C-alpha atoms as a PDB file:
ATOM      1  CA  MET A   1      16.278  16.892  52.775  1.00  0.00           C
ATOM      2  CA  THR A   2      13.367  14.397  52.493  1.00  0.00           C
ATOM      3  CA  GLU A   3      11.343  16.767  50.415  1.00  0.00           C
ATOM      4  CA  ASN A   4      14.261  17.068  48.008  1.00  0.00           C
ATOM      5  CA  ARG A   5      14.687  13.311  47.698  1.00  0.00           C
ATOM      6  CA  GLY A   6      11.023  12.876  46.869  1.00  0.00           C
ATOM      7  CA  ARG A   7      11.434  15.414  44.054  1.00  0.00           C
ATOM      8  CA  ASN A   8      14.481  13.672  42.729  1.00  0.00           C
ATOM      9  CA  ARG A   9      12.669  10.325  42.633  1.00  0.00           C
ATOM     10  CA  ARG A  10       9.632  11.959  40.885  1.00  0.00           C
ATOM     11  CA  THR A  11      11.965  13.526  38.311  1.00  0.00           C
ATOM     12  CA  TRP A  12      13.821  10.164  37.781  1.00  0.00           C
ATOM     13  CA  MET A  13      10.496   8.391  37.302  1.00  0.00           C
ATOM     14  CA  ARG A  14       9.232  10.866  34.866  1.00  0.00           C
ATOM     15  CA  GLY A  15      12.463  10.472  32.918  1.00  0.00           C
ATOM     16  CA  MET A  16      12.197   6.690  32.976  1.00  0.00           C
ATOM     17  CA  VAL A  17       8.468   6.957  31.800  1.00  0.00           C
ATOM     18  CA  ALA A  18       9.674   9.290  28.912  1.00  0.00           C
ATOM     19  CA  VAL A  19      12.363   6.736  27.926  1.00  0.00           C
ATOM     20  CA  ALA A  20      10.020   3.856  27.980  1.00  0.00           C
ATOM     21  CA  THR A  21       7.477   5.735  25.964  1.00  0.00           C
ATOM     22  CA  GLY A  22      10.148   6.517  23.411  1.00  0.00           C
ATOM     23  CA  ILE A  23      11.276   3.007  23.218  1.00  0.00           C
ATOM     24  CA  SER A  24       7.691   1.756  22.750  1.00  0.00           C
ATOM     25  CA  ALA A  25       7.134   4.376  19.941  1.00  0.00           C
ATOM     26  CA  VAL A  26      10.274   3.208  18.198  1.00  0.00           C
ATOM     27  CA  LEU A  27       9.260  -0.451  18.426  1.00  0.00           C
ATOM     28  CA  THR A  28       5.747   0.266  17.223  1.00  0.00           C
ATOM     29  CA  MET A  29       7.117   2.212  14.155  1.00  0.00           C
ATOM     30  CA  ALA A  30       9.499  -0.621  13.362  1.00  0.00           C
ATOM     31  CA  SER A  31       6.691  -3.191  13.629  1.00  0.00           C
ATOM     32  CA  THR A  32       4.364  -1.165  11.405  1.00  0.00           C
ATOM     33  CA  ALA A  33       7.194  -0.699   8.835  1.00  0.00           C
ATOM     34  CA  ASP A  34       7.862  -4.483   8.880  1.00  0.00           C
ATOM     35  CA  ALA A  35       4.225  -5.141   8.429  1.00  0.00           C
ATOM     36  CA  ALA A  36       4.096  -2.790   5.371  1.00  0.00           C
ATOM     37  CA  THR A  37       7.201  -4.314   3.867  1.00  0.00           C
ATOM     38  CA  ASN A  38       5.895  -7.864   4.370  1.00  0.00           C
ATOM     39  CA  SER A  39       2.523  -6.831   2.823  1.00  0.00           C
ATOM     40  CA  ALA A  40       4.159  -5.320  -0.261  1.00  0.00           C
ATOM     41  CA  ALA A  41       6.336  -8.379  -0.616  1.00  0.00           C
ATOM     42  CA  THR A  42       3.332 -10.723  -0.367  1.00  0.00           C
ATOM     43  CA  ALA A  43       1.545  -8.657  -2.833  1.00  0.00           C
ATOM     44  CA  THR A  44       4.276  -8.647  -5.322  1.00  0.00           C
ATOM     45  CA  ALA A  45       4.561 -12.370  -4.948  1.00  0.00           C
ATOM     46  CA  SER A  46       0.853 -12.758  -5.794  1.00  0.00           C
ATOM     47  CA  CYS A  47       1.311 -10.710  -8.940  1.00  0.00           C
ATOM     48  CA  PRO A  48       3.582 -12.503 -11.419  1.00  0.00           C
ATOM     49  CA  TYR A  49       6.252 -10.600 -13.365  1.00  0.00           C
ATOM     50  CA  LYS A  50       5.050  -9.126 -16.573  1.00  0.00           C
ATOM     51  CA  TYR A  51       1.456  -8.809 -15.310  1.00  0.00           C
ATOM     52  CA  PHE A  52      -0.801  -5.984 -14.118  1.00  0.00           C
ATOM     53  CA  CYS A  53      -2.962  -7.220 -11.185  1.00  0.00           C
ATOM     54  CA  ALA A  54      -6.124  -5.565 -10.055  1.00  0.00           C
ATOM     55  CA  TYR A  55      -7.422  -6.513  -6.693  1.00  0.00           C
ATOM     56  CA  PRO A  56     -11.132  -6.057  -5.389  1.00  0.00           C
ATOM     57  CA  GLY A  57      -9.871  -5.234  -1.897  1.00  0.00           C
ATOM     58  CA  GLY A  58      -7.391  -2.646  -0.432  1.00  0.00           C
ATOM     59  CA  ASN A  59      -3.933  -3.733   0.436  1.00  0.00           C
ATOM     60  CA  PHE A  60      -3.831  -6.423  -2.381  1.00  0.00           C
ATOM     61  CA  THR A  61      -6.513  -8.609  -0.974  1.00  0.00           C
ATOM     62  CA  GLY A  62      -9.048 -10.732  -2.686  1.00  0.00           C
ATOM     63  CA  THR A  63      -8.712 -12.641  -5.943  1.00  0.00           C
ATOM     64  CA  PRO A  64      -7.101 -10.410  -8.457  1.00  0.00           C
ATOM     65  CA  ILE A  65      -7.613 -10.020 -12.251  1.00  0.00           C
ATOM     66  CA  LEU A  66      -4.273 -10.964 -13.786  1.00  0.00           C
ATOM     67  CA  MET A  67      -3.704  -8.843 -16.953  1.00  0.00           C
ATOM     68  CA  TYR A  68      -1.093  -9.967 -19.346  1.00  0.00           C
ATOM     69  CA  ASN A  69      -2.240  -9.184 -22.854  1.00  0.00           C
ATOM     70  CA  CYS A  70      -2.165  -5.599 -24.174  1.00  0.00           C
ATOM     71  CA  THR A  71      -5.978  -5.360 -24.453  1.00  0.00           C
ATOM     72  CA  GLU A  72      -8.672  -3.459 -22.535  1.00  0.00           C
ATOM     73  CA  TYR A  73     -10.065  -5.344 -19.467  1.00  0.00           C
ATOM     74  CA  ASP A  74     -13.362  -4.744 -17.927  1.00  0.00           C
ATOM     75  CA  MET A  75     -13.324  -3.697 -14.279  1.00  0.00           C
ATOM     76  CA  PRO A  76     -16.152  -5.265 -12.383  1.00  0.00           C
ATOM     77  CA  TRP A  77     -15.551  -3.327  -9.126  1.00  0.00           C
ATOM     78  CA  SER A  78     -16.722   0.071  -8.062  1.00  0.00           C
ATOM     79  CA  SER A  79     -15.288   0.548  -4.624  1.00  0.00           C
ATOM     80  CA  LEU A  80     -11.907   0.769  -2.992  1.00  0.00           C
ATOM     81  CA  GLY A  81      -9.422  -1.862  -4.048  1.00  0.00           C
ATOM     82  CA  SER A  82      -5.697  -1.949  -5.007  1.00  0.00           C
ATOM     83  CA  TRP A  83      -3.355  -2.675  -7.953  1.00  0.00           C
ATOM     84  CA  ILE A  84       0.136  -3.638  -8.875  1.00  0.00           C
ATOM     85  CA  ASN A  85       1.921  -2.981 -12.253  1.00  0.00           C
ATOM     86  CA  ASN A  86       4.591  -5.642 -12.199  1.00  0.00           C
ATOM     87  CA  GLN A  87       5.213  -5.526 -15.920  1.00  0.00           C
ATOM     88  CA  THR A  88       8.492  -4.920 -17.639  1.00  0.00           C
ATOM     89  CA  PRO A  89      10.091  -1.630 -16.399  1.00  0.00           C
ATOM     90  CA  GLY A  90       8.447   1.556 -17.803  1.00  0.00           C
ATOM     91  CA  THR A  91       5.247  -0.089 -19.044  1.00  0.00           C
ATOM     92  CA  ARG A  92       2.303   2.191 -18.157  1.00  0.00           C
ATOM     93  CA  ALA A  93      -1.202   0.973 -17.319  1.00  0.00           C
ATOM     94  CA  GLN A  94      -4.066   3.078 -18.584  1.00  0.00           C
ATOM     95  CA  PHE A  95      -7.193   3.579 -16.427  1.00  0.00           C
ATOM     96  CA  ARG A  96     -10.182   4.304 -18.522  1.00  0.00           C
ATOM     97  CA  SER A  97     -13.729   5.730 -17.927  1.00  0.00           C
ATOM     98  CA  SER A  98     -17.016   4.405 -19.207  1.00  0.00           C
ATOM     99  CA  ASP A  99     -16.429   6.097 -22.649  1.00  0.00           C
ATOM    100  CA  HIS A 100     -13.201   4.089 -23.140  1.00  0.00           C
ATOM    101  CA  VAL A 101     -11.065   7.249 -22.782  1.00  0.00           C
ATOM    102  CA  THR A 102      -7.824   7.095 -20.755  1.00  0.00           C
ATOM    103  CA  ARG A 103      -8.256   9.409 -17.851  1.00  0.00           C
ATOM    104  CA  TRP A 104      -5.057   8.418 -15.937  1.00  0.00           C
ATOM    105  CA  SER A 105      -1.966   6.355 -16.396  1.00  0.00           C
ATOM    106  CA  ASP A 106       0.385   5.087 -13.714  1.00  0.00           C
ATOM    107  CA  SER A 107       4.078   6.152 -13.621  1.00  0.00           C
ATOM    108  CA  GLY A 108       5.287   2.875 -15.226  1.00  0.00           C
ATOM    109  CA  ALA A 109       6.186  -0.509 -13.899  1.00  0.00           C
ATOM    110  CA  TYR A 110       6.999  -1.193 -11.183  1.00  0.00           C
ATOM    111  CA  ASP A 111       4.174   0.741  -9.500  1.00  0.00           C
ATOM    112  CA  SER A 112       1.252   0.012  -7.127  1.00  0.00           C
ATOM    113  CA  ASP A 113      -1.544   1.486  -5.138  1.00  0.00           C
ATOM    114  CA  ALA A 114      -2.672  -0.271  -1.952  1.00  0.00           C
ATOM    115  CA  SER A 115      -5.918   2.019  -1.770  1.00  0.00           C
ATOM    116  CA  ALA A 116      -7.253   2.648  -5.241  1.00  0.00           C
ATOM    117  CA  ASP A 117     -10.687   4.056  -6.015  1.00  0.00           C
ATOM    118  CA  TRP A 118     -12.202   1.853  -8.662  1.00  0.00           C
ATOM    119  CA  SER A 119     -15.536   3.929  -8.716  1.00  0.00           C
ATOM    120  CA  TRP A 120     -14.495   5.897 -11.876  1.00  0.00           C
ATOM    121  CA  VAL A 121     -12.571   3.109 -13.604  1.00  0.00           C
ATOM    122  CA  TRP A 122     -14.553   1.004 -16.076  1.00  0.00           C
ATOM    123  CA  TYR A 123     -11.590  -0.472 -18.048  1.00  0.00           C
ATOM    124  CA  VAL A 124      -7.836  -1.006 -17.618  1.00  0.00           C
ATOM    125  CA  LYS A 125      -5.448  -1.468 -20.516  1.00  0.00           C
ATOM    126  CA  PRO A 126      -2.235  -2.616 -18.932  1.00  0.00           C
ATOM    127  CA  CYS A 127       0.096  -1.352 -21.628  1.00  0.00           C
END
């Protein structure tokens, strides 16, 4: 009888540990999702409407280049950074190589990339 009681307690304790672990995982995921949402909201606030913003750091950090005019802008960075296309809906930014050829365009405003590779981008034309 004592042996059975010990087994029941162990089973109960394992169940409680599993429940606590599950609750912890859910809270961690919720916290991570909130942080990502807050980061995106902060980034959008730092990039005014009708602008394309290029950031020197990932996750929209550093002082951005604010692009408004439909002209080609030099990109001074060659590492990982980020960008936000907060222009009027559907406006597509063009990412160009050293020979001024458009090698990629985003999907149109609103769009963003929190971890962009600037190594191949020499110019951006925001429209």
